[in-house]
């Protein structure tokens, strides 16, 4: 089966705990990055870095916005993005957030799936068994 190159994809990203918390409480409504993957992205899987060190959230995102396009100044970092003060020039609008109820710890990610926390991004289809495992861990929609 041939996949169209426009097929939206999903990626793993690393995120600091404080930013994950701001997304959970909806104070941060965009995820800012210095890069944009070649293919359109519709889900960001967040690995929350040390000290939590777990795969914990899946965000459904809208079309990426590239600076100097402007975004609503409703969340943490949005004003800085609009003023060009961020290193990150790409903003992913967070539409929905799911939580992997029992986050998958780094030890499990490494032992079972040979997964290391992403420095940039990793397409989720690189780790199909991990995606399957995460879905069986149970997810719950936060918003």
N, C-alpha and C. Protein backbone atom coordinates (compact mmCIF):
# COMPACT_ATOMS: atom_id res chain seq x y z
N UNK A 1 0.85 -1.20 0.00
CA UNK A 1 0.00 0.00 0.00
C UNK A 1 0.88 1.24 0.00
N UNK A 2 0.63 2.15 -0.91
CA UNK A 2 1.43 3.36 -1.03
C UNK A 2 0.80 4.48 -0.20
N UNK A 3 1.60 5.06 0.71
CA UNK A 3 1.08 6.17 1.52
C UNK A 3 1.33 7.48 0.78
N UNK A 4 0.32 8.33 0.77
CA UNK A 4 0.48 9.65 0.17
C UNK A 4 1.40 10.48 1.07
N UNK A 5 2.23 11.31 0.45
CA UNK A 5 3.16 12.10 1.24
C UNK A 5 2.45 13.18 2.06
N UNK A 6 1.18 13.43 1.73
CA UNK A 6 0.43 14.44 2.49
C UNK A 6 -0.28 13.83 3.70
N UNK A 7 -0.18 12.52 3.86
CA UNK A 7 -0.80 11.84 5.01
C UNK A 7 -0.25 12.45 6.30
N UNK A 8 -1.13 12.99 7.17
CA UNK A 8 -0.62 13.57 8.41
C UNK A 8 0.06 12.50 9.27
N UNK A 9 1.14 12.88 9.91
CA UNK A 9 1.90 11.93 10.71
C UNK A 9 1.96 12.37 12.16
N UNK A 10 2.56 11.51 12.97
CA UNK A 10 2.69 11.76 14.40
C UNK A 10 4.16 11.69 14.76
N UNK A 11 4.57 12.52 15.73
CA UNK A 11 5.97 12.54 16.14
C UNK A 11 6.11 12.49 17.66
N UNK A 12 7.23 11.93 18.10
CA UNK A 12 7.63 11.99 19.50
C UNK A 12 8.48 13.23 19.68
N UNK A 13 8.24 13.97 20.78
CA UNK A 13 9.04 15.14 21.15
C UNK A 13 9.36 15.05 22.63
N UNK A 14 10.47 15.64 23.03
CA UNK A 14 10.78 15.77 24.45
C UNK A 14 10.29 17.14 24.91
N UNK A 15 9.80 17.19 26.15
CA UNK A 15 9.29 18.46 26.69
C UNK A 15 9.67 18.55 28.16
N UNK A 16 9.94 19.76 28.62
CA UNK A 16 10.27 19.98 30.04
C UNK A 16 9.00 19.84 30.87
N UNK A 17 9.12 19.32 32.10
CA UNK A 17 7.93 19.14 32.95
C UNK A 17 7.11 20.41 33.14
N UNK A 18 7.78 21.56 33.30
CA UNK A 18 7.02 22.80 33.54
C UNK A 18 6.17 23.18 32.34
N UNK A 19 6.65 22.89 31.12
CA UNK A 19 5.84 23.20 29.93
C UNK A 19 4.72 22.19 29.76
N UNK A 20 4.99 20.94 30.10
CA UNK A 20 3.92 19.92 30.06
C UNK A 20 2.78 20.33 30.99
N UNK A 21 3.13 20.80 32.19
CA UNK A 21 2.11 21.21 33.16
C UNK A 21 1.28 22.39 32.64
N UNK A 22 1.95 23.33 31.97
CA UNK A 22 1.23 24.49 31.41
C UNK A 22 0.28 24.07 30.29
N UNK A 23 0.66 23.04 29.52
CA UNK A 23 -0.23 22.52 28.47
C UNK A 23 -1.42 21.82 29.11
N UNK A 24 -1.16 21.02 30.15
CA UNK A 24 -2.23 20.29 30.84
C UNK A 24 -3.28 21.26 31.39
N UNK A 25 -2.83 22.36 32.00
CA UNK A 25 -3.81 23.29 32.58
C UNK A 25 -4.26 24.34 31.56
N UNK A 26 -3.89 24.15 30.31
CA UNK A 26 -4.33 24.98 29.18
C UNK A 26 -3.83 26.42 29.25
N UNK A 27 -2.78 26.67 29.99
CA UNK A 27 -2.18 28.01 30.01
C UNK A 27 -1.23 28.17 28.82
N UNK A 28 -0.79 27.06 28.26
CA UNK A 28 0.07 27.07 27.08
C UNK A 28 -0.73 26.36 25.98
N UNK A 29 -1.10 27.11 24.94
CA UNK A 29 -1.97 26.53 23.91
C UNK A 29 -1.27 26.31 22.56
N UNK A 30 0.04 26.58 22.53
CA UNK A 30 0.87 26.28 21.35
C UNK A 30 2.15 25.62 21.82
N UNK A 31 2.65 24.69 21.03
CA UNK A 31 3.97 24.12 21.27
C UNK A 31 4.90 24.75 20.24
N UNK A 32 5.97 25.38 20.72
CA UNK A 32 6.90 26.09 19.85
C UNK A 32 8.13 25.24 19.58
N UNK A 33 8.55 25.22 18.32
CA UNK A 33 9.72 24.44 17.92
C UNK A 33 10.54 25.23 16.90
N UNK A 34 11.82 24.90 16.83
CA UNK A 34 12.73 25.55 15.88
C UNK A 34 12.60 24.96 14.49
N UNK A 35 11.93 23.84 14.36
CA UNK A 35 11.88 23.13 13.08
C UNK A 35 10.47 22.65 12.83
N UNK A 36 10.23 22.34 11.57
CA UNK A 36 8.95 21.73 11.19
C UNK A 36 9.28 20.50 10.37
N UNK A 37 8.71 19.35 10.73
CA UNK A 37 8.93 18.15 9.91
C UNK A 37 8.43 18.38 8.48
N UNK A 38 9.00 17.62 7.54
CA UNK A 38 8.62 17.77 6.13
C UNK A 38 7.15 17.47 5.89
N UNK A 39 6.63 16.44 6.55
CA UNK A 39 5.24 16.06 6.36
C UNK A 39 4.34 16.80 7.35
N UNK A 40 3.06 16.97 6.98
CA UNK A 40 2.12 17.57 7.95
C UNK A 40 2.01 16.66 9.19
N UNK A 41 1.89 17.28 10.34
CA UNK A 41 1.82 16.55 11.61
C UNK A 41 0.45 16.80 12.23
N UNK A 42 -0.16 15.73 12.76
CA UNK A 42 -1.43 15.95 13.44
C UNK A 42 -1.41 15.54 14.91
N UNK A 43 -0.33 14.86 15.34
CA UNK A 43 -0.23 14.52 16.76
C UNK A 43 1.21 14.63 17.23
N UNK A 44 1.36 15.20 18.44
CA UNK A 44 2.65 15.28 19.11
C UNK A 44 2.58 14.37 20.33
N UNK A 45 3.49 13.43 20.43
CA UNK A 45 3.58 12.56 21.59
C UNK A 45 4.69 13.13 22.48
N UNK A 46 4.33 13.52 23.70
CA UNK A 46 5.29 14.19 24.57
C UNK A 46 5.95 13.23 25.55
N UNK A 47 7.28 13.17 25.44
CA UNK A 47 8.10 12.50 26.45
C UNK A 47 8.51 13.61 27.42
N UNK A 48 8.08 13.50 28.68
CA UNK A 48 8.40 14.51 29.69
C UNK A 48 9.76 14.16 30.29
N UNK A 49 10.71 15.09 30.17
CA UNK A 49 12.09 14.81 30.56
C UNK A 49 12.27 14.77 32.09
N UNK A 50 13.51 14.49 32.49
CA UNK A 50 13.92 14.40 33.89
C UNK A 50 13.39 15.58 34.70
N UNK A 51 12.87 15.41 35.89
CA UNK A 51 12.91 14.17 36.69
C UNK A 51 11.76 13.19 36.43
N UNK A 52 10.79 13.56 35.60
CA UNK A 52 9.65 12.63 35.39
C UNK A 52 10.03 11.47 34.49
N UNK A 53 10.72 11.77 33.40
CA UNK A 53 11.25 10.74 32.49
C UNK A 53 10.22 9.69 32.09
N UNK A 54 9.16 10.16 31.41
CA UNK A 54 8.11 9.23 30.97
C UNK A 54 7.39 9.77 29.73
N UNK A 55 6.91 8.84 28.91
CA UNK A 55 6.04 9.17 27.79
C UNK A 55 4.66 9.34 28.39
N UNK A 56 4.08 10.54 28.30
CA UNK A 56 2.90 10.83 29.11
C UNK A 56 1.71 11.44 28.37
N UNK A 57 1.94 12.25 27.34
CA UNK A 57 0.83 12.98 26.71
C UNK A 57 0.85 12.86 25.19
N UNK A 58 -0.35 12.95 24.61
CA UNK A 58 -0.51 12.96 23.16
C UNK A 58 -1.39 14.17 22.82
N UNK A 59 -0.83 15.10 22.08
CA UNK A 59 -1.58 16.31 21.70
C UNK A 59 -2.00 16.23 20.25
N UNK A 60 -3.27 16.53 20.02
CA UNK A 60 -3.76 16.66 18.65
C UNK A 60 -3.54 18.12 18.28
N UNK A 61 -2.87 18.35 17.15
CA UNK A 61 -2.52 19.72 16.79
C UNK A 61 -3.10 20.13 15.44
N UNK A 62 -3.25 21.43 15.28
CA UNK A 62 -3.71 22.00 14.01
C UNK A 62 -2.51 22.27 13.12
N UNK A 63 -2.75 22.95 12.01
CA UNK A 63 -1.68 23.28 11.06
C UNK A 63 -0.64 24.17 11.72
N UNK A 64 0.62 23.86 11.48
CA UNK A 64 1.71 24.63 12.08
C UNK A 64 1.72 26.06 11.51
N UNK A 65 1.99 27.02 12.40
CA UNK A 65 2.06 28.43 12.03
C UNK A 65 3.54 28.81 11.99
N UNK A 66 3.96 29.49 10.94
CA UNK A 66 5.35 29.91 10.83
C UNK A 66 5.45 31.42 11.00
N UNK A 67 6.36 31.84 11.90
CA UNK A 67 6.61 33.27 12.09
C UNK A 67 7.11 33.85 10.76
N UNK A 68 6.67 35.03 10.31
CA UNK A 68 6.00 36.10 11.04
C UNK A 68 4.48 36.04 11.11
N UNK A 69 3.84 34.95 10.67
CA UNK A 69 2.40 34.85 10.87
C UNK A 69 2.13 34.97 12.37
N UNK A 70 1.00 35.56 12.69
CA UNK A 70 0.68 35.85 14.09
C UNK A 70 -0.32 34.82 14.64
N UNK A 71 -0.27 34.62 15.96
CA UNK A 71 -1.20 33.72 16.64
C UNK A 71 -1.91 34.50 17.74
N UNK A 72 -3.03 33.96 18.21
CA UNK A 72 -3.76 34.61 19.30
C UNK A 72 -2.87 34.68 20.53
N UNK A 73 -2.89 35.81 21.22
CA UNK A 73 -2.02 35.99 22.38
C UNK A 73 -2.71 35.51 23.66
N UNK A 74 -3.14 34.25 23.60
CA UNK A 74 -3.95 33.68 24.68
C UNK A 74 -3.15 32.82 25.64
N UNK A 75 -1.94 32.41 25.26
CA UNK A 75 -1.21 31.45 26.08
C UNK A 75 0.22 31.86 26.35
N UNK A 76 0.86 31.11 27.22
CA UNK A 76 2.25 31.34 27.58
C UNK A 76 3.15 31.25 26.34
N UNK A 77 3.94 32.30 26.11
CA UNK A 77 4.89 32.32 25.00
C UNK A 77 4.34 32.90 23.70
N UNK A 78 3.03 33.06 23.60
CA UNK A 78 2.42 33.49 22.34
C UNK A 78 2.84 34.90 21.93
N UNK A 79 2.87 35.84 22.89
CA UNK A 79 3.26 37.22 22.59
C UNK A 79 4.71 37.28 22.11
N UNK A 80 5.59 36.55 22.79
CA UNK A 80 7.00 36.50 22.38
C UNK A 80 7.13 35.95 20.96
N UNK A 81 6.33 34.92 20.64
CA UNK A 81 6.35 34.34 19.29
C UNK A 81 5.98 35.42 18.27
N UNK A 82 4.88 36.13 18.54
CA UNK A 82 4.41 37.16 17.60
C UNK A 82 5.42 38.28 17.41
N UNK A 83 6.20 38.56 18.44
CA UNK A 83 7.20 39.65 18.36
C UNK A 83 8.53 39.15 17.80
N UNK A 84 8.63 37.86 17.50
CA UNK A 84 9.86 37.31 16.95
C UNK A 84 10.97 37.16 17.98
N UNK A 85 10.59 37.12 19.26
CA UNK A 85 11.57 37.02 20.34
C UNK A 85 11.97 35.59 20.66
N UNK A 86 11.27 34.63 20.08
CA UNK A 86 11.58 33.22 20.35
C UNK A 86 12.57 32.69 19.31
N UNK A 87 13.43 31.76 19.76
CA UNK A 87 14.31 31.04 18.82
C UNK A 87 13.42 30.20 17.90
N UNK A 88 12.33 29.68 18.48
CA UNK A 88 11.39 28.83 17.74
C UNK A 88 10.56 29.69 16.79
N UNK A 89 10.53 29.28 15.54
CA UNK A 89 9.77 30.02 14.53
C UNK A 89 8.53 29.28 14.07
N UNK A 90 8.26 28.11 14.69
CA UNK A 90 7.09 27.31 14.33
C UNK A 90 6.23 27.07 15.56
N UNK A 91 4.91 27.25 15.38
CA UNK A 91 3.97 27.08 16.50
C UNK A 91 2.91 26.07 16.10
N UNK A 92 2.82 25.00 16.91
CA UNK A 92 1.78 23.98 16.70
C UNK A 92 0.61 24.29 17.63
N UNK A 93 -0.57 24.63 17.10
CA UNK A 93 -1.72 24.87 17.98
C UNK A 93 -2.22 23.56 18.61
N UNK A 94 -2.36 23.56 19.91
CA UNK A 94 -2.82 22.35 20.62
C UNK A 94 -4.34 22.39 20.69
N UNK A 95 -4.97 21.42 20.03
CA UNK A 95 -6.43 21.36 19.96
C UNK A 95 -7.02 20.48 21.05
N UNK A 96 -6.38 19.33 21.25
CA UNK A 96 -6.84 18.37 22.27
C UNK A 96 -5.62 17.76 22.92
N UNK A 97 -5.81 17.29 24.17
CA UNK A 97 -4.72 16.64 24.87
C UNK A 97 -5.23 15.37 25.54
N UNK A 98 -4.53 14.27 25.25
CA UNK A 98 -4.81 12.99 25.90
C UNK A 98 -3.64 12.67 26.81
N UNK A 99 -3.96 12.00 27.92
CA UNK A 99 -2.94 11.57 28.86
C UNK A 99 -2.83 10.06 28.78
N UNK A 100 -1.60 9.56 28.72
CA UNK A 100 -1.39 8.11 28.87
C UNK A 100 -1.51 7.90 30.38
N UNK A 101 -2.61 7.26 30.79
CA UNK A 101 -2.97 7.22 32.21
C UNK A 101 -1.80 6.78 33.09
N UNK A 102 -1.20 5.66 32.73
CA UNK A 102 0.00 5.23 33.45
C UNK A 102 1.16 5.52 32.51
N UNK A 103 1.80 6.68 32.71
CA UNK A 103 2.90 7.09 31.83
C UNK A 103 3.93 5.97 31.70
N UNK A 104 4.59 5.90 30.56
CA UNK A 104 5.55 4.83 30.30
C UNK A 104 6.95 5.33 30.68
N UNK A 105 7.54 4.76 31.74
CA UNK A 105 8.84 5.25 32.22
C UNK A 105 9.99 4.94 31.25
N UNK A 106 11.04 5.74 31.37
CA UNK A 106 12.19 5.61 30.49
C UNK A 106 12.78 4.20 30.49
N UNK A 107 12.86 3.57 31.66
CA UNK A 107 13.41 2.20 31.73
C UNK A 107 12.63 1.26 30.81
N UNK A 108 11.31 1.34 30.84
CA UNK A 108 10.46 0.50 29.98
C UNK A 108 10.66 0.87 28.50
N UNK A 109 10.72 2.16 28.22
CA UNK A 109 10.92 2.62 26.84
C UNK A 109 12.22 2.07 26.28
N UNK A 110 13.28 2.09 27.09
CA UNK A 110 14.59 1.60 26.64
C UNK A 110 14.60 0.08 26.51
N UNK A 111 14.14 -0.63 27.57
CA UNK A 111 14.24 -2.09 27.60
C UNK A 111 13.33 -2.76 26.58
N UNK A 112 12.08 -2.31 26.54
CA UNK A 112 11.11 -2.98 25.67
C UNK A 112 11.20 -2.53 24.21
N UNK A 113 11.54 -1.26 24.00
CA UNK A 113 11.41 -0.70 22.65
C UNK A 113 12.71 -0.10 22.10
N UNK A 114 13.78 -0.11 22.89
CA UNK A 114 15.05 0.50 22.47
C UNK A 114 14.84 1.96 22.08
N UNK A 115 13.99 2.64 22.85
CA UNK A 115 13.61 4.03 22.59
C UNK A 115 14.44 4.95 23.49
N UNK A 116 15.02 5.97 22.90
CA UNK A 116 15.73 7.00 23.65
C UNK A 116 14.98 8.31 23.49
N UNK A 117 14.97 9.16 24.52
CA UNK A 117 14.28 10.45 24.41
C UNK A 117 14.77 11.23 23.19
N UNK A 118 13.84 11.75 22.39
CA UNK A 118 14.25 12.45 21.17
C UNK A 118 14.99 13.76 21.45
N UNK A 119 16.07 13.99 20.70
CA UNK A 119 16.78 15.28 20.75
C UNK A 119 16.01 16.28 19.89
N UNK A 120 15.55 15.84 18.75
CA UNK A 120 14.71 16.67 17.88
C UNK A 120 13.32 16.05 17.90
N UNK A 121 12.99 15.38 16.82
CA UNK A 121 11.72 14.65 16.78
C UNK A 121 11.97 13.30 16.13
N UNK A 122 11.06 12.36 16.43
CA UNK A 122 11.11 11.02 15.83
C UNK A 122 9.69 10.70 15.38
N UNK A 123 9.55 10.24 14.15
CA UNK A 123 8.21 9.83 13.69
C UNK A 123 7.76 8.61 14.49
N UNK A 124 6.49 8.61 14.91
CA UNK A 124 5.98 7.51 15.73
C UNK A 124 5.98 6.19 14.96
N UNK A 125 5.88 6.23 13.63
CA UNK A 125 5.84 4.96 12.89
C UNK A 125 7.20 4.26 12.88
N UNK A 126 8.22 4.90 13.45
CA UNK A 126 9.52 4.26 13.67
C UNK A 126 9.41 3.24 14.81
N UNK A 127 8.44 3.45 15.69
CA UNK A 127 8.24 2.58 16.87
C UNK A 127 6.78 2.10 16.95
N UNK A 128 6.33 1.31 15.95
CA UNK A 128 4.91 0.89 15.96
C UNK A 128 4.53 0.08 17.20
N UNK A 129 5.44 -0.75 17.71
CA UNK A 129 5.12 -1.56 18.90
C UNK A 129 4.92 -0.66 20.12
N UNK A 130 5.66 0.43 20.20
CA UNK A 130 5.50 1.37 21.31
C UNK A 130 4.16 2.08 21.23
N UNK A 131 3.76 2.50 20.03
CA UNK A 131 2.47 3.16 19.84
C UNK A 131 1.35 2.21 20.28
N UNK A 132 1.45 0.96 19.85
CA UNK A 132 0.46 -0.06 20.21
C UNK A 132 0.42 -0.26 21.73
N UNK A 133 1.58 -0.37 22.34
CA UNK A 133 1.70 -0.56 23.80
C UNK A 133 1.07 0.63 24.53
N UNK A 134 1.38 1.84 24.09
CA UNK A 134 0.85 3.04 24.74
C UNK A 134 -0.68 3.07 24.68
N UNK A 135 -1.23 2.67 23.54
CA UNK A 135 -2.68 2.67 23.40
C UNK A 135 -3.32 1.63 24.32
N UNK A 136 -2.58 0.53 24.58
CA UNK A 136 -3.10 -0.49 25.50
C UNK A 136 -2.92 -0.09 26.96
N UNK A 137 -2.06 0.89 27.23
CA UNK A 137 -1.88 1.39 28.61
C UNK A 137 -3.10 2.19 29.05
N UNK A 138 -3.87 2.62 28.09
CA UNK A 138 -5.06 3.42 28.40
C UNK A 138 -4.76 4.90 28.32
N UNK A 139 -5.60 5.60 27.58
CA UNK A 139 -5.48 7.06 27.50
C UNK A 139 -6.78 7.68 27.94
N UNK A 140 -6.67 8.93 28.40
CA UNK A 140 -7.90 9.64 28.76
C UNK A 140 -7.79 11.05 28.24
N UNK A 141 -8.88 11.55 27.67
CA UNK A 141 -8.90 12.90 27.10
C UNK A 141 -8.96 13.90 28.24
N UNK A 142 -8.02 14.83 28.25
CA UNK A 142 -8.03 15.90 29.24
C UNK A 142 -8.82 17.10 28.73
N UNK A 143 -8.72 17.36 27.42
CA UNK A 143 -9.55 18.39 26.75
C UNK A 143 -9.45 18.21 25.26
